[in-house]
Amino acid sequence: MKTMLTAGLAGLSLSLAGLAAPALAQDAHAGHAAAALSAENTPIADIAASPEGKAALDKNLPGLTTHEAYDQFKGMSLKQVQPMSQGAISDDAIKALQADLDKIKK
């Protein structure tokens, strides 16, 4: 899975070049930790900010938080990054991550 994720995200840094503005816009919402974490809508960095969220990311999408382009896409949600992942971020992985996020106590 890690190899697939790394390979799938290999071209991500090039794809993200034109998406800097939306990523920055997402960062403006980073302080809203009271809301439940969403695998589809929460910026990846916000999920990774808590030990439990990072563990869920690492379990369901190994290599995502250590990817060389992480700083470029961490302000985006997984649904935003998914089309650029060449299939490495599947709907099933997002659903499994959400199930783990739902178990995190606020």
PDB file of N, CA and C in Angstrom:
ATOM      1  N   MET A   1       0.829  -1.191   0.000  1.00  0.00           N
ATOM      2  CA  MET A   1       0.000   0.000   0.000  1.00  0.00           C
ATOM      3  C   MET A   1       0.872   1.254   0.000  1.00  0.00           C
ATOM      4  N   LYS A   2       1.967   1.250   0.798  1.00  0.00           N
ATOM      5  CA  LYS A   2       2.839   2.414   0.869  1.00  0.00           C
ATOM      6  C   LYS A   2       3.455   2.687  -0.495  1.00  0.00           C
ATOM      7  N   THR A   3       3.901   1.635  -1.185  1.00  0.00           N
ATOM      8  CA  THR A   3       4.486   1.806  -2.505  1.00  0.00           C
ATOM      9  C   THR A   3       3.453   2.364  -3.467  1.00  0.00           C
ATOM     10  N   MET A   4       2.221   1.857  -3.408  1.00  0.00           N
ATOM     11  CA  MET A   4       1.168   2.339  -4.281  1.00  0.00           C
ATOM     12  C   MET A   4       0.866   3.804  -3.991  1.00  0.00           C
ATOM     13  N   LEU A   5       0.809   4.185  -2.726  1.00  0.00           N
ATOM     14  CA  LEU A   5       0.527   5.566  -2.378  1.00  0.00           C
ATOM     15  C   LEU A   5       1.651   6.469  -2.857  1.00  0.00           C
ATOM     16  N   THR A   6       2.883   6.049  -2.636  1.00  0.00           N
ATOM     17  CA  THR A   6       4.030   6.846  -3.065  1.00  0.00           C
ATOM     18  C   THR A   6       4.031   6.990  -4.579  1.00  0.00           C
ATOM     19  N   ALA A   7       3.789   5.908  -5.284  1.00  0.00           N
ATOM     20  CA  ALA A   7       3.753   5.964  -6.742  1.00  0.00           C
ATOM     21  C   ALA A   7       2.578   6.799  -7.231  1.00  0.00           C
ATOM     22  N   GLY A   8       1.443   6.646  -6.586  1.00  0.00           N
ATOM     23  CA  GLY A   8       0.258   7.388  -6.997  1.00  0.00           C
ATOM     24  C   GLY A   8       0.383   8.879  -6.782  1.00  0.00           C
ATOM     25  N   LEU A   9       1.131   9.270  -5.770  1.00  0.00           N
ATOM     26  CA  LEU A   9       1.296  10.687  -5.464  1.00  0.00           C
ATOM     27  C   LEU A   9       2.572  11.268  -6.065  1.00  0.00           C
ATOM     28  N   ALA A  10       3.300  10.469  -6.845  1.00  0.00           N
ATOM     29  CA  ALA A  10       4.582  10.918  -7.386  1.00  0.00           C
ATOM     30  C   ALA A  10       4.453  12.200  -8.197  1.00  0.00           C
ATOM     31  N   GLY A  11       3.420  12.318  -8.998  1.00  0.00           N
ATOM     32  CA  GLY A  11       3.255  13.511  -9.815  1.00  0.00           C
ATOM     33  C   GLY A  11       2.435  14.588  -9.138  1.00  0.00           C
ATOM     34  N   LEU A  12       2.135  14.399  -7.890  1.00  0.00           N
ATOM     35  CA  LEU A  12       1.261  15.313  -7.177  1.00  0.00           C
ATOM     36  C   LEU A  12       1.835  16.715  -7.067  1.00  0.00           C
ATOM     37  N   SER A  13       3.125  16.850  -6.820  1.00  0.00           N
ATOM     38  CA  SER A  13       3.691  18.188  -6.645  1.00  0.00           C
ATOM     39  C   SER A  13       3.522  19.014  -7.903  1.00  0.00           C
ATOM     40  N   LEU A  14       3.603  18.397  -9.067  1.00  0.00           N
ATOM     41  CA  LEU A  14       3.377  19.136 -10.307  1.00  0.00           C
ATOM     42  C   LEU A  14       1.905  19.508 -10.451  1.00  0.00           C
ATOM     43  N   SER A  15       1.024  18.591 -10.086  1.00  0.00           N
ATOM     44  CA  SER A  15      -0.407  18.848 -10.189  1.00  0.00           C
ATOM     45  C   SER A  15      -0.864  19.934  -9.227  1.00  0.00           C
ATOM     46  N   LEU A  16      -0.167  20.083  -8.113  1.00  0.00           N
ATOM     47  CA  LEU A  16      -0.566  21.033  -7.087  1.00  0.00           C
ATOM     48  C   LEU A  16      -0.089  22.453  -7.366  1.00  0.00           C
ATOM     49  N   ALA A  17       0.765  22.636  -8.342  1.00  0.00           N
ATOM     50  CA  ALA A  17       1.337  23.954  -8.597  1.00  0.00           C
ATOM     51  C   ALA A  17       0.260  25.022  -8.774  1.00  0.00           C
ATOM     52  N   GLY A  18      -0.814  24.693  -9.432  1.00  0.00           N
ATOM     53  CA  GLY A  18      -1.885  25.664  -9.653  1.00  0.00           C
ATOM     54  C   GLY A  18      -2.922  25.699  -8.550  1.00  0.00           C
ATOM     55  N   LEU A  19      -2.737  24.928  -7.514  1.00  0.00           N
ATOM     56  CA  LEU A  19      -3.742  24.842  -6.456  1.00  0.00           C
ATOM     57  C   LEU A  19      -3.311  25.504  -5.164  1.00  0.00           C
ATOM     58  N   ALA A  20      -2.302  26.331  -5.193  1.00  0.00           N
ATOM     59  CA  ALA A  20      -1.796  26.946  -3.961  1.00  0.00           C
ATOM     60  C   ALA A  20      -2.850  27.810  -3.283  1.00  0.00           C
ATOM     61  N   ALA A  21      -3.621  28.559  -4.033  1.00  0.00           N
ATOM     62  CA  ALA A  21      -4.623  29.439  -3.428  1.00  0.00           C
ATOM     63  C   ALA A  21      -5.683  28.657  -2.651  1.00  0.00           C
ATOM     64  N   PRO A  22      -6.283  27.571  -3.218  1.00  0.00           N
ATOM     65  CA  PRO A  22      -7.247  26.820  -2.419  1.00  0.00           C
ATOM     66  C   PRO A  22      -6.618  26.210  -1.174  1.00  0.00           C
ATOM     67  N   ALA A  23      -5.370  25.785  -1.275  1.00  0.00           N
ATOM     68  CA  ALA A  23      -4.711  25.205  -0.107  1.00  0.00           C
ATOM     69  C   ALA A  23      -4.551  26.250   0.983  1.00  0.00           C
ATOM     70  N   LEU A  24      -4.186  27.458   0.607  1.00  0.00           N
ATOM     71  CA  LEU A  24      -4.055  28.516   1.591  1.00  0.00           C
ATOM     72  C   LEU A  24      -5.402  28.882   2.189  1.00  0.00           C
ATOM     73  N   ALA A  25      -6.443  28.844   1.379  1.00  0.00           N
ATOM     74  CA  ALA A  25      -7.783  29.150   1.883  1.00  0.00           C
ATOM     75  C   ALA A  25      -8.197  28.129   2.930  1.00  0.00           C
ATOM     76  N   GLN A  26      -7.828  26.861   2.743  1.00  0.00           N
ATOM     77  CA  GLN A  26      -8.152  25.829   3.720  1.00  0.00           C
ATOM     78  C   GLN A  26      -7.462  26.095   5.049  1.00  0.00           C
ATOM     79  N   ASP A  27      -6.214  26.605   4.998  1.00  0.00           N
ATOM     80  CA  ASP A  27      -5.468  26.865   6.223  1.00  0.00           C
ATOM     81  C   ASP A  27      -6.161  27.887   7.105  1.00  0.00           C
ATOM     82  N   ALA A  28      -6.965  28.760   6.528  1.00  0.00           N
ATOM     83  CA  ALA A  28      -7.673  29.771   7.298  1.00  0.00           C
ATOM     84  C   ALA A  28      -8.672  29.135   8.264  1.00  0.00           C
ATOM     85  N   HIS A  29      -9.077  27.900   7.977  1.00  0.00           N
ATOM     86  CA  HIS A  29     -10.058  27.210   8.815  1.00  0.00           C
ATOM     87  C   HIS A  29      -9.395  26.251   9.799  1.00  0.00           C
ATOM     88  N   ALA A  30      -8.093  26.268   9.893  1.00  0.00           N
ATOM     89  CA  ALA A  30      -7.359  25.303  10.711  1.00  0.00           C
ATOM     90  C   ALA A  30      -7.680  25.414  12.202  1.00  0.00           C
ATOM     91  N   GLY A  31      -8.148  26.553  12.667  1.00  0.00           N
ATOM     92  CA  GLY A  31      -8.413  26.734  14.082  1.00  0.00           C
ATOM     93  C   GLY A  31      -9.737  26.176  14.555  1.00  0.00           C
ATOM     94  N   HIS A  32     -10.498  25.559  13.697  1.00  0.00           N
ATOM     95  CA  HIS A  32     -11.818  25.050  14.065  1.00  0.00           C
ATOM     96  C   HIS A  32     -11.744  23.590  14.498  1.00  0.00           C
ATOM     97  N   ALA A  33     -11.013  23.325  15.576  1.00  0.00           N
ATOM     98  CA  ALA A  33     -10.798  21.960  16.043  1.00  0.00           C
ATOM     99  C   ALA A  33     -12.026  21.375  16.727  1.00  0.00           C
ATOM    100  N   ALA A  34     -12.996  22.213  17.097  1.00  0.00           N
ATOM    101  CA  ALA A  34     -14.168  21.721  17.807  1.00  0.00           C
ATOM    102  C   ALA A  34     -15.046  20.851  16.914  1.00  0.00           C
ATOM    103  N   ALA A  35     -14.989  21.051  15.625  1.00  0.00           N
ATOM    104  CA  ALA A  35     -15.800  20.271  14.696  1.00  0.00           C
ATOM    105  C   ALA A  35     -15.224  18.858  14.588  1.00  0.00           C
ATOM    106  N   ALA A  36     -16.102  17.919  14.285  1.00  0.00           N
ATOM    107  CA  ALA A  36     -15.659  16.546  14.093  1.00  0.00           C
ATOM    108  C   ALA A  36     -14.749  16.476  12.874  1.00  0.00           C
ATOM    109  N   LEU A  37     -13.753  15.609  12.936  1.00  0.00           N
ATOM    110  CA  LEU A  37     -12.838  15.444  11.813  1.00  0.00           C
ATOM    111  C   LEU A  37     -13.538  14.680  10.694  1.00  0.00           C
ATOM    112  N   SER A  38     -13.363  15.166   9.485  1.00  0.00           N
ATOM    113  CA  SER A  38     -13.986  14.550   8.326  1.00  0.00           C
ATOM    114  C   SER A  38     -12.912  14.121   7.336  1.00  0.00           C
ATOM    115  N   ALA A  39     -12.919  12.862   6.963  1.00  0.00           N
ATOM    116  CA  ALA A  39     -11.961  12.355   5.983  1.00  0.00           C
ATOM    117  C   ALA A  39     -12.161  13.025   4.626  1.00  0.00           C
ATOM    118  N   GLU A  40     -13.361  13.514   4.371  1.00  0.00           N
ATOM    119  CA  GLU A  40     -13.649  14.137   3.081  1.00  0.00           C
ATOM    120  C   GLU A  40     -13.428  15.636   3.065  1.00  0.00           C
ATOM    121  N   ASN A  41     -13.625  16.318   4.191  1.00  0.00           N
ATOM    122  CA  ASN A  41     -13.629  17.778   4.178  1.00  0.00           C
ATOM    123  C   ASN A  41     -12.563  18.468   5.023  1.00  0.00           C
ATOM    124  N   THR A  42     -12.048  17.807   6.029  1.00  0.00           N
ATOM    125  CA  THR A  42     -11.061  18.420   6.916  1.00  0.00           C
ATOM    126  C   THR A  42      -9.696  18.437   6.229  1.00  0.00           C
ATOM    127  N   PRO A  43      -8.981  19.560   6.288  1.00  0.00           N
ATOM    128  CA  PRO A  43      -7.619  19.563   5.735  1.00  0.00           C
ATOM    129  C   PRO A  43      -6.776  18.455   6.382  1.00  0.00           C
ATOM    130  N   ILE A  44      -5.942  17.828   5.580  1.00  0.00           N
ATOM    131  CA  ILE A  44      -5.126  16.712   6.037  1.00  0.00           C
ATOM    132  C   ILE A  44      -4.283  17.111   7.253  1.00  0.00           C
ATOM    133  N   ALA A  45      -3.730  18.312   7.232  1.00  0.00           N
ATOM    134  CA  ALA A  45      -2.893  18.770   8.359  1.00  0.00           C
ATOM    135  C   ALA A  45      -3.692  18.842   9.654  1.00  0.00           C
ATOM    136  N   ASP A  46      -4.972  19.189   9.569  1.00  0.00           N
ATOM    137  CA  ASP A  46      -5.811  19.252  10.765  1.00  0.00           C
ATOM    138  C   ASP A  46      -6.050  17.853  11.332  1.00  0.00           C
ATOM    139  N   ILE A  47      -6.204  16.875  10.456  1.00  0.00           N
ATOM    140  CA  ILE A  47      -6.364  15.495  10.920  1.00  0.00           C
ATOM    141  C   ILE A  47      -5.066  15.026  11.575  1.00  0.00           C
ATOM    142  N   ALA A  48      -3.949  15.325  10.936  1.00  0.00           N
ATOM    143  CA  ALA A  48      -2.643  14.881  11.437  1.00  0.00           C
ATOM    144  C   ALA A  48      -2.200  15.633  12.683  1.00  0.00           C
ATOM    145  N   ALA A  49      -2.867  16.732  13.015  1.00  0.00           N
ATOM    146  CA  ALA A  49      -2.467  17.546  14.178  1.00  0.00           C
ATOM    147  C   ALA A  49      -2.643  16.816  15.498  1.00  0.00           C
ATOM    148  N   SER A  50      -3.574  15.886  15.567  1.00  0.00           N
ATOM    149  CA  SER A  50      -3.760  15.123  16.808  1.00  0.00           C
ATOM    150  C   SER A  50      -3.082  13.764  16.643  1.00  0.00           C
ATOM    151  N   PRO A  51      -2.545  13.230  17.728  1.00  0.00           N
ATOM    152  CA  PRO A  51      -1.896  11.910  17.641  1.00  0.00           C
ATOM    153  C   PRO A  51      -2.840  10.828  17.110  1.00  0.00           C
ATOM    154  N   GLU A  52      -4.109  10.894  17.524  1.00  0.00           N
ATOM    155  CA  GLU A  52      -5.074   9.888  17.076  1.00  0.00           C
ATOM    156  C   GLU A  52      -5.374  10.035  15.587  1.00  0.00           C
ATOM    157  N   GLY A  53      -5.511  11.274  15.131  1.00  0.00           N
ATOM    158  CA  GLY A  53      -5.767  11.525  13.719  1.00  0.00           C
ATOM    159  C   GLY A  53      -4.595  11.091  12.855  1.00  0.00           C
ATOM    160  N   LYS A  54      -3.381  11.408  13.300  1.00  0.00           N
ATOM    161  CA  LYS A  54      -2.188  11.002  12.544  1.00  0.00           C
ATOM    162  C   LYS A  54      -2.089   9.484  12.494  1.00  0.00           C
ATOM    163  N   ALA A  55      -2.379   8.821  13.609  1.00  0.00           N
ATOM    164  CA  ALA A  55      -2.348   7.357  13.630  1.00  0.00           C
ATOM    165  C   ALA A  55      -3.361   6.778  12.645  1.00  0.00           C
ATOM    166  N   ALA A  56      -4.551   7.383  12.567  1.00  0.00           N
ATOM    167  CA  ALA A  56      -5.575   6.911  11.629  1.00  0.00           C
ATOM    168  C   ALA A  56      -5.122   7.126  10.187  1.00  0.00           C
ATOM    169  N   LEU A  57      -4.501   8.280   9.908  1.00  0.00           N
ATOM    170  CA  LEU A  57      -3.967   8.523   8.561  1.00  0.00           C
ATOM    171  C   LEU A  57      -2.892   7.503   8.217  1.00  0.00           C
ATOM    172  N   ASP A  58      -1.956   7.288   9.146  1.00  0.00           N
ATOM    173  CA  ASP A  58      -0.853   6.363   8.897  1.00  0.00           C
ATOM    174  C   ASP A  58      -1.348   4.929   8.711  1.00  0.00           C
ATOM    175  N   LYS A  59      -2.409   4.572   9.414  1.00  0.00           N
ATOM    176  CA  LYS A  59      -2.977   3.224   9.292  1.00  0.00           C
ATOM    177  C   LYS A  59      -3.648   3.031   7.936  1.00  0.00           C
ATOM    178  N   ASN A  60      -4.448   4.004   7.531  1.00  0.00           N
ATOM    179  CA  ASN A  60      -5.261   3.851   6.329  1.00  0.00           C
ATOM    180  C   ASN A  60      -4.581   4.328   5.043  1.00  0.00           C
ATOM    181  N   LEU A  61      -3.652   5.251   5.171  1.00  0.00           N
ATOM    182  CA  LEU A  61      -2.926   5.776   4.012  1.00  0.00           C
ATOM    183  C   LEU A  61      -1.441   5.893   4.358  1.00  0.00           C
ATOM    184  N   PRO A  62      -0.782   4.753   4.560  1.00  0.00           N
ATOM    185  CA  PRO A  62       0.623   4.786   4.972  1.00  0.00           C
ATOM    186  C   PRO A  62       1.473   5.576   3.970  1.00  0.00           C
ATOM    187  N   GLY A  63       2.330   6.413   4.514  1.00  0.00           N
ATOM    188  CA  GLY A  63       3.223   7.209   3.681  1.00  0.00           C
ATOM    189  C   GLY A  63       2.694   8.575   3.314  1.00  0.00           C
ATOM    190  N   LEU A  64       1.422   8.834   3.589  1.00  0.00           N
ATOM    191  CA  LEU A  64       0.837  10.126   3.216  1.00  0.00           C
ATOM    192  C   LEU A  64       1.489  11.268   3.977  1.00  0.00           C
ATOM    193  N   THR A  65       1.619  11.146   5.289  1.00  0.00           N
ATOM    194  CA  THR A  65       2.155  12.258   6.085  1.00  0.00           C
ATOM    195  C   THR A  65       3.663  12.402   5.965  1.00  0.00           C
ATOM    196  N   THR A  66       4.325  11.422   5.359  1.00  0.00           N
ATOM    197  CA  THR A  66       5.769  11.512   5.147  1.00  0.00           C
ATOM    198  C   THR A  66       6.114  11.715   3.676  1.00  0.00           C
ATOM    199  N   HIS A  67       5.089  11.885   2.846  1.00  0.00           N
ATOM    200  CA  HIS A  67       5.303  12.068   1.410  1.00  0.00           C
ATOM    201  C   HIS A  67       6.106  13.344   1.167  1.00  0.00           C
ATOM    202  N   GLU A  68       6.974  13.322   0.180  1.00  0.00           N
ATOM    203  CA  GLU A  68       7.836  14.477  -0.099  1.00  0.00           C
ATOM    204  C   GLU A  68       7.056  15.739  -0.467  1.00  0.00           C
ATOM    205  N   ALA A  69       5.841  15.598  -0.955  1.00  0.00           N
ATOM    206  CA  ALA A  69       5.028  16.757  -1.324  1.00  0.00           C
ATOM    207  C   ALA A  69       3.995  17.108  -0.253  1.00  0.00           C
ATOM    208  N   TYR A  70       4.097  16.496   0.931  1.00  0.00           N
ATOM    209  CA  TYR A  70       3.107  16.705   1.997  1.00  0.00           C
ATOM    210  C   TYR A  70       2.857  18.183   2.276  1.00  0.00           C
ATOM    211  N   ASP A  71       3.915  18.974   2.360  1.00  0.00           N
ATOM    212  CA  ASP A  71       3.743  20.399   2.650  1.00  0.00           C
ATOM    213  C   ASP A  71       2.911  21.105   1.584  1.00  0.00           C
ATOM    214  N   GLN A  72       2.888  20.574   0.384  1.00  0.00           N
ATOM    215  CA  GLN A  72       2.134  21.183  -0.699  1.00  0.00           C
ATOM    216  C   GLN A  72       0.649  20.825  -0.665  1.00  0.00           C
ATOM    217  N   PHE A  73       0.313  19.660  -0.116  1.00  0.00           N
ATOM    218  CA  PHE A  73      -1.097  19.259  -0.125  1.00  0.00           C
ATOM    219  C   PHE A  73      -1.730  19.137   1.251  1.00  0.00           C
ATOM    220  N   LYS A  74      -0.986  19.391   2.318  1.00  0.00           N
ATOM    221  CA  LYS A  74      -1.520  19.189   3.664  1.00  0.00           C
ATOM    222  C   LYS A  74      -2.685  20.122   4.002  1.00  0.00           C
ATOM    223  N   GLY A  75      -2.809  21.241   3.329  1.00  0.00           N
ATOM    224  CA  GLY A  75      -3.917  22.159   3.567  1.00  0.00           C
ATOM    225  C   GLY A  75      -5.178  21.788   2.807  1.00  0.00           C
ATOM    226  N   MET A  76      -5.110  20.716   2.046  1.00  0.00           N
ATOM    227  CA  MET A  76      -6.248  20.252   1.255  1.00  0.00           C
ATOM    228  C   MET A  76      -6.902  19.052   1.934  1.00  0.00           C
ATOM    229  N   SER A  77      -8.139  18.798   1.590  1.00  0.00           N
ATOM    230  CA  SER A  77      -8.815  17.601   2.098  1.00  0.00           C
ATOM    231  C   SER A  77      -8.414  16.405   1.231  1.00  0.00           C
ATOM    232  N   LEU A  78      -8.660  15.211   1.736  1.00  0.00           N
ATOM    233  CA  LEU A  78      -8.361  14.014   0.953  1.00  0.00           C
ATOM    234  C   LEU A  78      -9.184  13.970  -0.331  1.00  0.00           C
ATOM    235  N   LYS A  79     -10.418  14.468  -0.283  1.00  0.00           N
ATOM    236  CA  LYS A  79     -11.256  14.488  -1.486  1.00  0.00           C
ATOM    237  C   LYS A  79     -10.662  15.413  -2.544  1.00  0.00           C
ATOM    238  N   GLN A  80      -9.984  16.491  -2.123  1.00  0.00           N
ATOM    239  CA  GLN A  80      -9.338  17.378  -3.070  1.00  0.00           C
ATOM    240  C   GLN A  80      -8.084  16.738  -3.666  1.00  0.00           C
ATOM    241  N   VAL A  81      -7.360  15.979  -2.855  1.00  0.00           N
ATOM    242  CA  VAL A  81      -6.119  15.351  -3.310  1.00  0.00           C
ATOM    243  C   VAL A  81      -6.406  14.078  -4.103  1.00  0.00           C
ATOM    244  N   GLN A  82      -7.503  13.411  -3.809  1.00  0.00           N
ATOM    245  CA  GLN A  82      -7.829  12.113  -4.406  1.00  0.00           C
ATOM    246  C   GLN A  82      -7.716  12.075  -5.931  1.00  0.00           C
ATOM    247  N   PRO A  83      -8.250  13.040  -6.674  1.00  0.00           N
ATOM    248  CA  PRO A  83      -8.152  12.947  -8.142  1.00  0.00           C
ATOM    249  C   PRO A  83      -6.712  13.000  -8.671  1.00  0.00           C
ATOM    250  N   MET A  84      -5.812  13.563  -7.899  1.00  0.00           N
ATOM    251  CA  MET A  84      -4.415  13.681  -8.314  1.00  0.00           C
ATOM    252  C   MET A  84      -3.572  12.506  -7.845  1.00  0.00           C
ATOM    253  N   SER A  85      -4.173  11.583  -7.081  1.00  0.00           N
ATOM    254  CA  SER A  85      -3.418  10.485  -6.480  1.00  0.00           C
ATOM    255  C   SER A  85      -3.299   9.267  -7.389  1.00  0.00           C
ATOM    256  N   GLN A  86      -3.848   9.324  -8.562  1.00  0.00           N
ATOM    257  CA  GLN A  86      -3.800   8.208  -9.515  1.00  0.00           C
ATOM    258  C   GLN A  86      -4.317   6.909  -8.897  1.00  0.00           C
ATOM    259  N   GLY A  87      -5.369   7.013  -8.113  1.00  0.00           N
ATOM    260  CA  GLY A  87      -5.997   5.845  -7.506  1.00  0.00           C
ATOM    261  C   GLY A  87      -5.431   5.429  -6.160  1.00  0.00           C
ATOM    262  N   ALA A  88      -4.374   6.082  -5.696  1.00  0.00           N
ATOM    263  CA  ALA A  88      -3.762   5.698  -4.419  1.00  0.00           C
ATOM    264  C   ALA A  88      -4.664   6.024  -3.239  1.00  0.00           C
ATOM    265  N   ILE A  89      -5.487   7.064  -3.367  1.00  0.00           N
ATOM    266  CA  ILE A  89      -6.446   7.412  -2.315  1.00  0.00           C
ATOM    267  C   ILE A  89      -7.814   6.988  -2.831  1.00  0.00           C
ATOM    268  N   SER A  90      -8.245   5.821  -2.393  1.00  0.00           N
ATOM    269  CA  SER A  90      -9.512   5.254  -2.866  1.00  0.00           C
ATOM    270  C   SER A  90     -10.675   5.688  -1.984  1.00  0.00           C
ATOM    271  N   ASP A  91     -11.873   5.522  -2.511  1.00  0.00           N
ATOM    272  CA  ASP A  91     -13.076   5.790  -1.705  1.00  0.00           C
ATOM    273  C   ASP A  91     -13.096   4.878  -0.481  1.00  0.00           C
ATOM    274  N   ASP A  92     -12.650   3.634  -0.649  1.00  0.00           N
ATOM    275  CA  ASP A  92     -12.626   2.686   0.468  1.00  0.00           C
ATOM    276  C   ASP A  92     -11.660   3.142   1.564  1.00  0.00           C
ATOM    277  N   ALA A  93     -10.507   3.685   1.163  1.00  0.00           N
ATOM    278  CA  ALA A  93      -9.535   4.172   2.157  1.00  0.00           C
ATOM    279  C   ALA A  93     -10.105   5.365   2.912  1.00  0.00           C
ATOM    280  N   ILE A  94     -10.825   6.229   2.209  1.00  0.00           N
ATOM    281  CA  ILE A  94     -11.441   7.392   2.860  1.00  0.00           C
ATOM    282  C   ILE A  94     -12.524   6.935   3.836  1.00  0.00           C
ATOM    283  N   LYS A  95     -13.310   5.936   3.442  1.00  0.00           N
ATOM    284  CA  LYS A  95     -14.352   5.400   4.332  1.00  0.00           C
ATOM    285  C   LYS A  95     -13.736   4.752   5.570  1.00  0.00           C
ATOM    286  N   ALA A  96     -12.661   3.993   5.385  1.00  0.00           N
ATOM    287  CA  ALA A  96     -11.998   3.340   6.512  1.00  0.00           C
ATOM    288  C   ALA A  96     -11.392   4.387   7.452  1.00  0.00           C
ATOM    289  N   LEU A  97     -10.809   5.430   6.875  1.00  0.00           N
ATOM    290  CA  LEU A  97     -10.262   6.510   7.695  1.00  0.00           C
ATOM    291  C   LEU A  97     -11.371   7.180   8.485  1.00  0.00           C
ATOM    292  N   GLN A  98     -12.499   7.449   7.841  1.00  0.00           N
ATOM    293  CA  GLN A  98     -13.604   8.090   8.533  1.00  0.00           C
ATOM    294  C   GLN A  98     -14.088   7.248   9.704  1.00  0.00           C
ATOM    295  N   ALA A  99     -14.153   5.936   9.525  1.00  0.00           N
ATOM    296  CA  ALA A  99     -14.568   5.041  10.611  1.00  0.00           C
ATOM    297  C   ALA A  99     -13.615   5.190  11.806  1.00  0.00           C
ATOM    298  N   ASP A 100     -12.320   5.289  11.525  1.00  0.00           N
ATOM    299  CA  ASP A 100     -11.348   5.474  12.615  1.00  0.00           C
ATOM    300  C   ASP A 100     -11.459   6.866  13.226  1.00  0.00           C
ATOM    301  N   LEU A 101     -11.705   7.883  12.413  1.00  0.00           N
ATOM    302  CA  LEU A 101     -11.859   9.244  12.936  1.00  0.00           C
ATOM    303  C   LEU A 101     -13.093   9.359  13.824  1.00  0.00           C
ATOM    304  N   ASP A 102     -14.141   8.630  13.465  1.00  0.00           N
ATOM    305  CA  ASP A 102     -15.367   8.654  14.263  1.00  0.00           C
ATOM    306  C   ASP A 102     -15.170   8.094  15.675  1.00  0.00           C
ATOM    307  N   LYS A 103     -14.137   7.286  15.847  1.00  0.00           N
ATOM    308  CA  LYS A 103     -13.846   6.693  17.151  1.00  0.00           C
ATOM    309  C   LYS A 103     -13.059   7.636  18.061  1.00  0.00           C
ATOM    310  N   ILE A 104     -12.527   8.717  17.497  1.00  0.00           N
ATOM    311  CA  ILE A 104     -11.727   9.663  18.267  1.00  0.00           C
ATOM    312  C   ILE A 104     -12.650  10.513  19.118  1.00  0.00           C
ATOM    313  N   LYS A 105     -12.366  10.587  20.410  1.00  0.00           N
ATOM    314  CA  LYS A 105     -13.170  11.404  21.315  1.00  0.00           C
ATOM    315  C   LYS A 105     -12.715  12.850  21.204  1.00  0.00           C
ATOM    316  N   LYS A 106     -13.678  13.723  21.246  1.00  0.00           N
ATOM    317  CA  LYS A 106     -13.388  15.161  21.147  1.00  0.00           C
ATOM    318  C   LYS A 106     -13.042  15.732  22.488  1.00  0.00           C
TER     319      LYS A 106
END
